[in-house]
Amino acid sequence: MKISIKIIATACAVLMLSCGSKEEKKKDGFTIDRQKAETEKTVVTETPGTKASERVTLDNKGVGPITSLSLNEEINTEMAAQGKKVYDQLCLACHRIGKKFIGPAPNGILERRSPEWVMNMILVPEKMVKDDPLAKELLVEFNGSPMANQGLTEEQARAVLEYFRTL
């Protein structure tokens, strides 16, 4: 009986010591994550020190099906109204006009991003976060909350873009 207690006590001591060394490994993993984030941030170097959500990158078209998009000078109010409906139904849970929420505020987005980039982010957010450096930085800035793919058609995404022009 005494031998069993000694064996159990020794096993517990070994377990406690091994747990302590795992914490050090966890700290090493944290350092690796921190280095990875710094590497991603250096990929986009237009304006160092500026948050990704505030940076102006109008020449980046993103990664996705939209490679070229021309906007009329006049806003199509009918299309913008349809875009507002889609936005209110699918986007409002994460994006608030005029303030940072789960995702960035949409107002003024076309002053900071190209229309193609916005459309690609709406249509294929998972591809954008995987392959576009700016989208990667936004993911980090917004605490790793990826934008959900709402399955919008190009027409719906274009209507949302037109709504953004009215903000």
C-alpha atoms as a PDB file:
ATOM      1  CA  MET A   1       0.000   0.000   0.000  1.00  0.00           C
ATOM      2  CA  LYS A   2       2.824   2.394   0.920  1.00  0.00           C
ATOM      3  CA  ILE A   3       4.550   1.604  -2.382  1.00  0.00           C
ATOM      4  CA  SER A   4       1.339   2.434  -4.313  1.00  0.00           C
ATOM      5  CA  ILE A   5       1.087   5.823  -2.566  1.00  0.00           C
ATOM      6  CA  LYS A   6       4.751   6.560  -3.343  1.00  0.00           C
ATOM      7  CA  ILE A   7       4.243   5.606  -6.998  1.00  0.00           C
ATOM      8  CA  ILE A   8       1.126   7.808  -7.264  1.00  0.00           C
ATOM      9  CA  ALA A   9       2.907  10.721  -5.536  1.00  0.00           C
ATOM     10  CA  THR A  10       5.890  10.362  -7.883  1.00  0.00           C
ATOM     11  CA  ALA A  11       3.600  10.227 -10.914  1.00  0.00           C
ATOM     12  CA  CYS A  12       1.798  13.398  -9.741  1.00  0.00           C
ATOM     13  CA  ALA A  13       5.117  15.185  -9.230  1.00  0.00           C
ATOM     14  CA  VAL A  14       6.282  14.182 -12.717  1.00  0.00           C
ATOM     15  CA  LEU A  15       2.973  15.399 -14.173  1.00  0.00           C
ATOM     16  CA  MET A  16       3.281  18.759 -12.417  1.00  0.00           C
ATOM     17  CA  LEU A  17       6.837  19.246 -13.635  1.00  0.00           C
ATOM     18  CA  SER A  18       5.927  18.315 -17.195  1.00  0.00           C
ATOM     19  CA  CYS A  19       3.029  20.796 -17.168  1.00  0.00           C
ATOM     20  CA  GLY A  20       5.426  23.548 -16.161  1.00  0.00           C
ATOM     21  CA  SER A  21       7.607  22.964 -19.191  1.00  0.00           C
ATOM     22  CA  LYS A  22       4.579  23.049 -21.514  1.00  0.00           C
ATOM     23  CA  GLU A  23       3.860  26.603 -20.389  1.00  0.00           C
ATOM     24  CA  GLU A  24       7.301  27.622 -21.622  1.00  0.00           C
ATOM     25  CA  LYS A  25       6.541  26.012 -24.982  1.00  0.00           C
ATOM     26  CA  LYS A  26       3.286  27.970 -25.085  1.00  0.00           C
ATOM     27  CA  LYS A  27       5.252  31.194 -24.601  1.00  0.00           C
ATOM     28  CA  ASP A  28       7.496  30.193 -27.508  1.00  0.00           C
ATOM     29  CA  GLY A  29       4.369  29.693 -29.639  1.00  0.00           C
ATOM     30  CA  PHE A  30       3.187  33.158 -28.677  1.00  0.00           C
ATOM     31  CA  THR A  31       6.462  34.615 -29.870  1.00  0.00           C
ATOM     32  CA  ILE A  32       6.062  32.811 -33.179  1.00  0.00           C
ATOM     33  CA  ASP A  33       2.549  34.245 -33.610  1.00  0.00           C
ATOM     34  CA  ARG A  34       3.835  37.722 -32.816  1.00  0.00           C
ATOM     35  CA  GLN A  35       6.582  37.373 -35.421  1.00  0.00           C
ATOM     36  CA  LYS A  36       4.067  36.153 -37.992  1.00  0.00           C
ATOM     37  CA  ALA A  37       1.832  39.191 -37.417  1.00  0.00           C
ATOM     38  CA  GLU A  38       4.814  41.523 -37.819  1.00  0.00           C
ATOM     39  CA  THR A  39       5.743  39.803 -41.090  1.00  0.00           C
ATOM     40  CA  GLU A  40       2.204  40.236 -42.425  1.00  0.00           C
ATOM     41  CA  LYS A  41       2.193  43.911 -41.475  1.00  0.00           C
ATOM     42  CA  THR A  42       5.377  44.569 -43.416  1.00  0.00           C
ATOM     43  CA  VAL A  43       3.848  43.187 -46.629  1.00  0.00           C
ATOM     44  CA  VAL A  44       1.781  46.361 -47.141  1.00  0.00           C
ATOM     45  CA  THR A  45       4.118  49.296 -46.667  1.00  0.00           C
ATOM     46  CA  GLU A  46       2.215  52.249 -48.110  1.00  0.00           C
ATOM     47  CA  THR A  47       1.931  54.110 -44.815  1.00  0.00           C
ATOM     48  CA  PRO A  48       3.751  52.505 -41.883  1.00  0.00           C
ATOM     49  CA  GLY A  49       2.127  53.032 -38.505  1.00  0.00           C
ATOM     50  CA  THR A  50      -1.348  53.675 -39.930  1.00  0.00           C
ATOM     51  CA  LYS A  51      -4.103  51.226 -39.092  1.00  0.00           C
ATOM     52  CA  ALA A  52      -5.162  49.097 -42.023  1.00  0.00           C
ATOM     53  CA  SER A  53      -8.737  50.379 -41.727  1.00  0.00           C
ATOM     54  CA  GLU A  54      -7.521  53.987 -42.077  1.00  0.00           C
ATOM     55  CA  ARG A  55      -4.892  53.435 -44.770  1.00  0.00           C
ATOM     56  CA  VAL A  56      -5.652  54.699 -48.282  1.00  0.00           C
ATOM     57  CA  THR A  57      -4.874  52.076 -50.930  1.00  0.00           C
ATOM     58  CA  LEU A  58      -6.818  52.968 -54.046  1.00  0.00           C
ATOM     59  CA  ASP A  59      -4.510  51.064 -56.427  1.00  0.00           C
ATOM     60  CA  ASN A  60      -5.175  47.654 -54.818  1.00  0.00           C
ATOM     61  CA  LYS A  61      -7.971  45.796 -56.632  1.00  0.00           C
ATOM     62  CA  GLY A  62      -7.854  42.794 -54.329  1.00  0.00           C
ATOM     63  CA  VAL A  63      -8.114  39.149 -55.281  1.00  0.00           C
ATOM     64  CA  GLY A  64     -11.308  37.824 -56.792  1.00  0.00           C
ATOM     65  CA  PRO A  65     -13.674  37.897 -59.742  1.00  0.00           C
ATOM     66  CA  ILE A  66     -13.841  41.696 -60.090  1.00  0.00           C
ATOM     67  CA  THR A  67     -10.842  43.044 -61.984  1.00  0.00           C
ATOM     68  CA  SER A  68     -12.343  46.227 -63.408  1.00  0.00           C
ATOM     69  CA  LEU A  69     -15.300  48.359 -62.366  1.00  0.00           C
ATOM     70  CA  SER A  70     -16.370  51.794 -63.561  1.00  0.00           C
ATOM     71  CA  LEU A  71     -18.693  53.916 -61.468  1.00  0.00           C
ATOM     72  CA  ASN A  72     -20.953  56.559 -62.995  1.00  0.00           C
ATOM     73  CA  GLU A  73     -20.535  60.072 -61.662  1.00  0.00           C
ATOM     74  CA  GLU A  74     -24.172  60.133 -60.552  1.00  0.00           C
ATOM     75  CA  ILE A  75     -25.346  57.760 -57.867  1.00  0.00           C
ATOM     76  CA  ASN A  76     -28.069  55.364 -58.951  1.00  0.00           C
ATOM     77  CA  THR A  77     -30.574  55.980 -56.144  1.00  0.00           C
ATOM     78  CA  GLU A  78     -32.695  52.951 -56.994  1.00  0.00           C
ATOM     79  CA  MET A  79     -29.671  50.662 -56.855  1.00  0.00           C
ATOM     80  CA  ALA A  80     -28.477  52.350 -53.643  1.00  0.00           C
ATOM     81  CA  ALA A  81     -31.889  51.757 -52.032  1.00  0.00           C
ATOM     82  CA  GLN A  82     -31.657  48.075 -52.935  1.00  0.00           C
ATOM     83  CA  GLY A  83     -28.109  48.021 -51.542  1.00  0.00           C
ATOM     84  CA  LYS A  84     -29.314  49.550 -48.275  1.00  0.00           C
ATOM     85  CA  LYS A  85     -31.850  46.735 -47.918  1.00  0.00           C
ATOM     86  CA  VAL A  86     -29.152  44.111 -48.466  1.00  0.00           C
ATOM     87  CA  TYR A  87     -26.785  45.940 -46.101  1.00  0.00           C
ATOM     88  CA  ASP A  88     -29.424  46.233 -43.367  1.00  0.00           C
ATOM     89  CA  GLN A  89     -30.286  42.557 -43.702  1.00  0.00           C
ATOM     90  CA  LEU A  90     -26.836  40.975 -44.009  1.00  0.00           C
ATOM     91  CA  CYS A  91     -24.092  43.441 -43.067  1.00  0.00           C
ATOM     92  CA  LEU A  92     -25.431  45.477 -40.154  1.00  0.00           C
ATOM     93  CA  ALA A  93     -24.652  42.734 -37.641  1.00  0.00           C
ATOM     94  CA  CYS A  94     -20.927  43.469 -37.989  1.00  0.00           C
ATOM     95  CA  HIS A  95     -20.600  46.898 -39.658  1.00  0.00           C
ATOM     96  CA  ARG A  96     -21.904  50.151 -38.159  1.00  0.00           C
ATOM     97  CA  ILE A  97     -21.942  53.409 -40.073  1.00  0.00           C
ATOM     98  CA  GLY A  98     -19.577  55.915 -38.530  1.00  0.00           C
ATOM     99  CA  LYS A  99     -17.910  53.621 -36.013  1.00  0.00           C
ATOM    100  CA  LYS A 100     -15.674  50.612 -35.629  1.00  0.00           C
ATOM    101  CA  PHE A 101     -17.651  47.566 -34.557  1.00  0.00           C
ATOM    102  CA  ILE A 102     -16.905  43.901 -35.263  1.00  0.00           C
ATOM    103  CA  GLY A 103     -15.782  45.059 -38.709  1.00  0.00           C
ATOM    104  CA  PRO A 104     -14.784  48.458 -40.104  1.00  0.00           C
ATOM    105  CA  ALA A 105     -17.262  51.254 -40.734  1.00  0.00           C
ATOM    106  CA  PRO A 106     -18.399  51.353 -44.384  1.00  0.00           C
ATOM    107  CA  ASN A 107     -18.718  55.120 -44.704  1.00  0.00           C
ATOM    108  CA  GLY A 108     -15.906  56.680 -46.706  1.00  0.00           C
ATOM    109  CA  ILE A 109     -14.728  53.255 -47.840  1.00  0.00           C
ATOM    110  CA  LEU A 110     -14.419  54.382 -51.467  1.00  0.00           C
ATOM    111  CA  GLU A 111     -12.075  57.157 -50.368  1.00  0.00           C
ATOM    112  CA  ARG A 112      -9.728  54.466 -48.990  1.00  0.00           C
ATOM    113  CA  ARG A 113     -10.302  51.431 -51.257  1.00  0.00           C
ATOM    114  CA  SER A 114     -10.871  50.818 -54.933  1.00  0.00           C
ATOM    115  CA  PRO A 115     -14.383  49.735 -55.983  1.00  0.00           C
ATOM    116  CA  GLU A 116     -12.904  46.430 -57.189  1.00  0.00           C
ATOM    117  CA  TRP A 117     -11.324  45.755 -53.781  1.00  0.00           C
ATOM    118  CA  VAL A 118     -14.631  46.430 -51.997  1.00  0.00           C
ATOM    119  CA  MET A 119     -16.558  44.183 -54.392  1.00  0.00           C
ATOM    120  CA  ASN A 120     -14.028  41.359 -54.041  1.00  0.00           C
ATOM    121  CA  MET A 121     -14.123  41.660 -50.251  1.00  0.00           C
ATOM    122  CA  ILE A 122     -17.922  41.381 -50.317  1.00  0.00           C
ATOM    123  CA  LEU A 123     -17.981  38.509 -52.820  1.00  0.00           C
ATOM    124  CA  VAL A 124     -15.024  36.351 -51.708  1.00  0.00           C
ATOM    125  CA  PRO A 125     -13.868  37.454 -48.248  1.00  0.00           C
ATOM    126  CA  GLU A 126     -12.160  34.130 -47.497  1.00  0.00           C
ATOM    127  CA  LYS A 127     -10.006  34.406 -50.650  1.00  0.00           C
ATOM    128  CA  MET A 128      -9.217  38.041 -49.876  1.00  0.00           C
ATOM    129  CA  VAL A 129      -8.093  37.237 -46.322  1.00  0.00           C
ATOM    130  CA  LYS A 130      -5.965  34.388 -47.647  1.00  0.00           C
ATOM    131  CA  ASP A 131      -4.290  36.221 -50.547  1.00  0.00           C
ATOM    132  CA  ASP A 132      -4.632  40.009 -50.116  1.00  0.00           C
ATOM    133  CA  PRO A 133      -2.104  41.631 -47.728  1.00  0.00           C
ATOM    134  CA  LEU A 134      -4.439  44.463 -46.737  1.00  0.00           C
ATOM    135  CA  ALA A 135      -7.304  42.080 -45.975  1.00  0.00           C
ATOM    136  CA  LYS A 136      -4.882  40.068 -43.820  1.00  0.00           C
ATOM    137  CA  GLU A 137      -3.994  43.202 -41.871  1.00  0.00           C
ATOM    138  CA  LEU A 138      -7.671  44.056 -41.396  1.00  0.00           C
ATOM    139  CA  LEU A 139      -8.237  40.573 -39.999  1.00  0.00           C
ATOM    140  CA  VAL A 140      -5.501  41.194 -37.423  1.00  0.00           C
ATOM    141  CA  GLU A 141      -6.794  44.705 -36.634  1.00  0.00           C
ATOM    142  CA  PHE A 142     -10.308  43.403 -36.028  1.00  0.00           C
ATOM    143  CA  ASN A 143      -9.194  40.698 -33.590  1.00  0.00           C
ATOM    144  CA  GLY A 144      -9.207  37.816 -36.038  1.00  0.00           C
ATOM    145  CA  SER A 145     -12.917  38.162 -36.847  1.00  0.00           C
ATOM    146  CA  PRO A 146     -13.152  37.137 -40.492  1.00  0.00           C
ATOM    147  CA  MET A 147     -15.825  38.621 -42.698  1.00  0.00           C
ATOM    148  CA  ALA A 148     -18.552  36.080 -43.386  1.00  0.00           C
ATOM    149  CA  ASN A 149     -19.301  35.177 -46.977  1.00  0.00           C
ATOM    150  CA  GLN A 150     -22.977  36.099 -47.286  1.00  0.00           C
ATOM    151  CA  GLY A 151     -23.278  34.502 -50.722  1.00  0.00           C
ATOM    152  CA  LEU A 152     -24.240  37.730 -52.458  1.00  0.00           C
ATOM    153  CA  THR A 153     -24.514  37.872 -56.218  1.00  0.00           C
ATOM    154  CA  GLU A 154     -22.427  40.396 -58.135  1.00  0.00           C
ATOM    155  CA  GLU A 155     -25.591  42.483 -58.619  1.00  0.00           C
ATOM    156  CA  GLN A 156     -26.308  42.537 -54.870  1.00  0.00           C
ATOM    157  CA  ALA A 157     -22.695  43.391 -54.066  1.00  0.00           C
ATOM    158  CA  ARG A 158     -22.778  46.181 -56.656  1.00  0.00           C
ATOM    159  CA  ALA A 159     -25.965  47.537 -55.053  1.00  0.00           C
ATOM    160  CA  VAL A 160     -24.288  47.532 -51.627  1.00  0.00           C
ATOM    161  CA  LEU A 161     -21.324  49.362 -53.162  1.00  0.00           C
ATOM    162  CA  GLU A 162     -23.706  51.947 -54.619  1.00  0.00           C
ATOM    163  CA  TYR A 163     -25.261  52.358 -51.144  1.00  0.00           C
ATOM    164  CA  PHE A 164     -21.778  52.942 -49.706  1.00  0.00           C
ATOM    165  CA  ARG A 165     -21.418  55.838 -52.153  1.00  0.00           C
ATOM    166  CA  THR A 166     -24.343  57.573 -50.422  1.00  0.00           C
ATOM    167  CA  LEU A 167     -22.826  57.407 -46.942  1.00  0.00           C
END
